């Protein structure tokens, strides 16, 4: 009788501990997912901010014919950098970002001569952030020389995380 009572109490304690551990594991996965999404959002904002700060010039995306149409959900501007110390001559670098398949993707075009690249010259397609459901509100105000970054990231439970930043442009802008 005592053995049966001991087994029943032990089973209740074991089931309680197992349930508690299962709950803790699920909560830790949820917290880990939230942290990953927040890291993605912060990283994307900081990455783009750093490239804008290093820019020699900011151009309207419409400057390069067909680029805005090819990448419809884009950030609205191109970051231009000039590197005169490149080994094989002058280097003209053009960078922009677009949103596709819940990702922010960086593309770039490099030239060794002056002049704008073709829209087909852009490549790389490096993923800067995952879980991105929208970049609506992201763009540039050429008159005020500011860039607004507005990214909405979303987890598997449809919880939304909004990341916003305003960047003052120090370099030349070309509309």
Protein backbone atom coordinates (compact mmCIF):
# COMPACT_ATOMS: atom_id res chain seq x y z
CA UNK A 1 0.00 0.00 0.00
CA UNK A 2 2.79 2.38 0.95
CA UNK A 3 4.61 1.53 -2.28
CA UNK A 4 1.51 2.38 -4.34
CA UNK A 5 1.10 5.68 -2.49
CA UNK A 6 4.81 6.47 -3.03
CA UNK A 7 4.52 5.70 -6.77
CA UNK A 8 1.39 7.87 -7.11
CA UNK A 9 2.98 10.83 -5.35
CA UNK A 10 6.24 10.39 -7.29
CA UNK A 11 4.31 10.27 -10.56
CA UNK A 12 2.48 13.50 -9.71
CA UNK A 13 5.74 15.23 -8.82
CA UNK A 14 7.44 13.94 -12.00
CA UNK A 15 4.51 15.06 -14.20
CA UNK A 16 4.55 18.51 -12.54
CA UNK A 17 8.30 18.86 -13.08
CA UNK A 18 7.99 17.68 -16.71
CA UNK A 19 5.16 20.14 -17.39
CA UNK A 20 7.13 22.96 -15.79
CA UNK A 21 10.23 22.13 -17.83
CA UNK A 22 8.17 21.97 -21.04
CA UNK A 23 6.68 25.39 -20.28
CA UNK A 24 10.13 26.85 -19.56
CA UNK A 25 11.55 25.46 -22.82
CA UNK A 26 8.66 26.93 -24.83
CA UNK A 27 9.06 30.33 -23.15
CA UNK A 28 12.82 30.30 -23.75
CA UNK A 29 12.24 29.57 -27.46
CA UNK A 30 9.75 32.43 -27.60
CA UNK A 31 12.20 34.82 -25.93
CA UNK A 32 15.01 33.64 -28.22
CA UNK A 33 12.82 34.27 -31.28
CA UNK A 34 11.93 37.78 -30.02
CA UNK A 35 15.60 38.55 -29.42
CA UNK A 36 16.53 37.33 -32.91
CA UNK A 37 13.87 39.52 -34.49
CA UNK A 38 14.97 42.55 -32.46
CA UNK A 39 18.60 41.88 -33.39
CA UNK A 40 17.62 41.68 -37.08
CA UNK A 41 15.79 45.00 -36.92
CA UNK A 42 18.54 46.83 -35.05
CA UNK A 43 21.23 45.38 -37.30
CA UNK A 44 19.42 46.45 -40.49
CA UNK A 45 18.94 50.01 -39.21
CA UNK A 46 22.56 50.35 -38.06
CA UNK A 47 23.99 48.74 -41.20
CA UNK A 48 22.17 51.14 -43.51
CA UNK A 49 22.92 54.12 -41.25
CA UNK A 50 26.65 53.33 -41.38
CA UNK A 51 26.62 53.08 -45.17
CA UNK A 52 24.78 56.40 -45.44
CA UNK A 53 27.29 58.05 -43.09
CA UNK A 54 30.19 56.85 -45.28
CA UNK A 55 28.50 57.90 -48.53
CA UNK A 56 30.04 60.39 -50.90
CA UNK A 57 26.66 61.08 -52.47
CA UNK A 58 23.04 59.94 -52.18
CA UNK A 59 21.07 59.56 -55.43
CA UNK A 60 17.39 59.08 -56.17
CA UNK A 61 16.74 55.50 -57.21
CA UNK A 62 15.06 56.83 -60.36
CA UNK A 63 18.48 58.08 -61.56
CA UNK A 64 19.22 54.56 -62.76
CA UNK A 65 16.69 53.68 -65.41
CA UNK A 66 14.69 50.55 -64.63
CA UNK A 67 16.09 49.97 -61.14
CA UNK A 68 12.97 51.10 -59.25
CA UNK A 69 10.80 48.97 -61.54
CA UNK A 70 13.04 45.91 -61.21
CA UNK A 71 13.03 46.16 -57.41
CA UNK A 72 9.61 47.68 -56.73
CA UNK A 73 9.69 47.55 -52.93
CA UNK A 74 12.95 49.52 -52.55
CA UNK A 75 14.23 52.10 -50.06
CA UNK A 76 14.06 54.95 -52.58
CA UNK A 77 17.70 55.98 -52.79
CA UNK A 78 21.15 54.84 -53.85
CA UNK A 79 24.30 55.24 -51.79
CA UNK A 80 27.32 56.24 -53.88
CA UNK A 81 30.95 55.78 -52.83
CA UNK A 82 34.14 56.66 -54.67
CA UNK A 83 37.39 54.81 -53.89
CA UNK A 84 40.36 56.32 -55.79
CA UNK A 85 42.84 53.92 -54.15
CA UNK A 86 41.53 50.71 -55.62
CA UNK A 87 44.33 48.65 -57.20
CA UNK A 88 42.83 48.38 -60.68
CA UNK A 89 41.86 52.03 -61.08
CA UNK A 90 39.07 54.25 -59.83
CA UNK A 91 36.14 52.52 -58.29
CA UNK A 92 32.60 53.86 -58.30
CA UNK A 93 30.29 51.90 -55.99
CA UNK A 94 26.47 52.12 -55.99
CA UNK A 95 24.42 50.47 -53.21
CA UNK A 96 20.69 50.17 -52.57
CA UNK A 97 18.29 47.92 -50.69
CA UNK A 98 14.96 46.31 -51.42
CA UNK A 99 12.35 44.22 -49.59
CA UNK A 100 11.36 40.78 -50.86
CA UNK A 101 10.22 37.50 -49.27
CA UNK A 102 10.30 38.96 -45.73
CA UNK A 103 13.90 40.08 -46.13
CA UNK A 104 15.81 43.32 -46.63
CA UNK A 105 18.32 42.67 -49.37
CA UNK A 106 21.40 44.73 -50.28
CA UNK A 107 22.47 45.02 -53.90
CA UNK A 108 25.43 46.85 -55.40
CA UNK A 109 27.04 47.78 -58.69
CA UNK A 110 30.72 48.63 -59.20
CA UNK A 111 32.25 50.59 -62.06
CA UNK A 112 35.75 51.64 -62.94
CA UNK A 113 34.59 54.57 -65.05
CA UNK A 114 32.39 57.57 -64.39
CA UNK A 115 28.75 57.26 -65.30
CA UNK A 116 25.79 55.50 -63.81
CA UNK A 117 25.56 51.72 -64.03
CA UNK A 118 22.72 49.86 -65.73
CA UNK A 119 19.99 48.41 -63.54
CA UNK A 120 21.16 44.98 -64.68
CA UNK A 121 24.62 45.70 -63.20
CA UNK A 122 23.30 45.42 -59.64
CA UNK A 123 24.00 42.13 -57.95
CA UNK A 124 25.12 40.52 -54.73
CA UNK A 125 21.67 40.15 -53.20
CA UNK A 126 23.02 39.99 -49.63
CA UNK A 127 20.40 39.50 -46.93
CA UNK A 128 20.64 42.22 -44.27
CA UNK A 129 17.58 41.23 -42.21
CA UNK A 130 14.97 38.47 -42.00
CA UNK A 131 11.38 38.56 -40.65
CA UNK A 132 10.69 41.89 -42.39
CA UNK A 133 7.01 42.25 -43.25
CA UNK A 134 7.16 45.87 -44.47
CA UNK A 135 9.49 48.78 -45.26
CA UNK A 136 6.57 51.16 -45.84
CA UNK A 137 7.49 54.71 -44.80
CA UNK A 138 11.16 54.25 -45.70
CA UNK A 139 12.48 56.90 -48.04
CA UNK A 140 14.39 60.11 -48.54
CA UNK A 141 13.48 63.79 -48.34
CA UNK A 142 15.92 65.46 -50.73
CA UNK A 143 15.01 69.01 -49.67
CA UNK A 144 15.52 68.41 -45.93
CA UNK A 145 18.41 65.99 -46.56
CA UNK A 146 17.01 63.28 -44.30
CA UNK A 147 16.42 59.58 -44.71
CA UNK A 148 13.63 57.82 -42.87
CA UNK A 149 14.03 54.12 -42.18
CA UNK A 150 10.85 52.35 -41.09
CA UNK A 151 10.98 48.56 -40.85
CA UNK A 152 8.24 46.30 -39.52
CA UNK A 153 9.36 42.84 -38.51
CA UNK A 154 6.94 40.07 -37.65
CA UNK A 155 7.32 36.79 -35.79
CA UNK A 156 5.52 33.49 -36.41
CA UNK A 157 2.72 34.55 -34.03
CA UNK A 158 2.15 37.76 -36.05
CA UNK A 159 3.57 39.94 -33.28
CA UNK A 160 4.95 43.08 -34.91
CA UNK A 161 8.14 44.93 -34.05
CA UNK A 162 8.62 48.40 -35.52
CA UNK A 163 12.05 49.90 -36.02
CA UNK A 164 12.39 53.55 -37.02
CA UNK A 165 15.31 55.87 -37.55
CA UNK A 166 15.91 59.27 -39.11
CA UNK A 167 19.33 59.92 -40.63
CA UNK A 168 20.67 63.37 -41.46
CA UNK A 169 22.56 63.29 -44.72
CA UNK A 170 25.94 65.01 -44.61
CA UNK A 171 26.99 64.41 -48.19
CA UNK A 172 25.67 65.70 -51.52
CA UNK A 173 22.21 64.55 -52.60
CA UNK A 174 20.98 64.27 -56.17
CA UNK A 175 17.30 64.03 -56.93
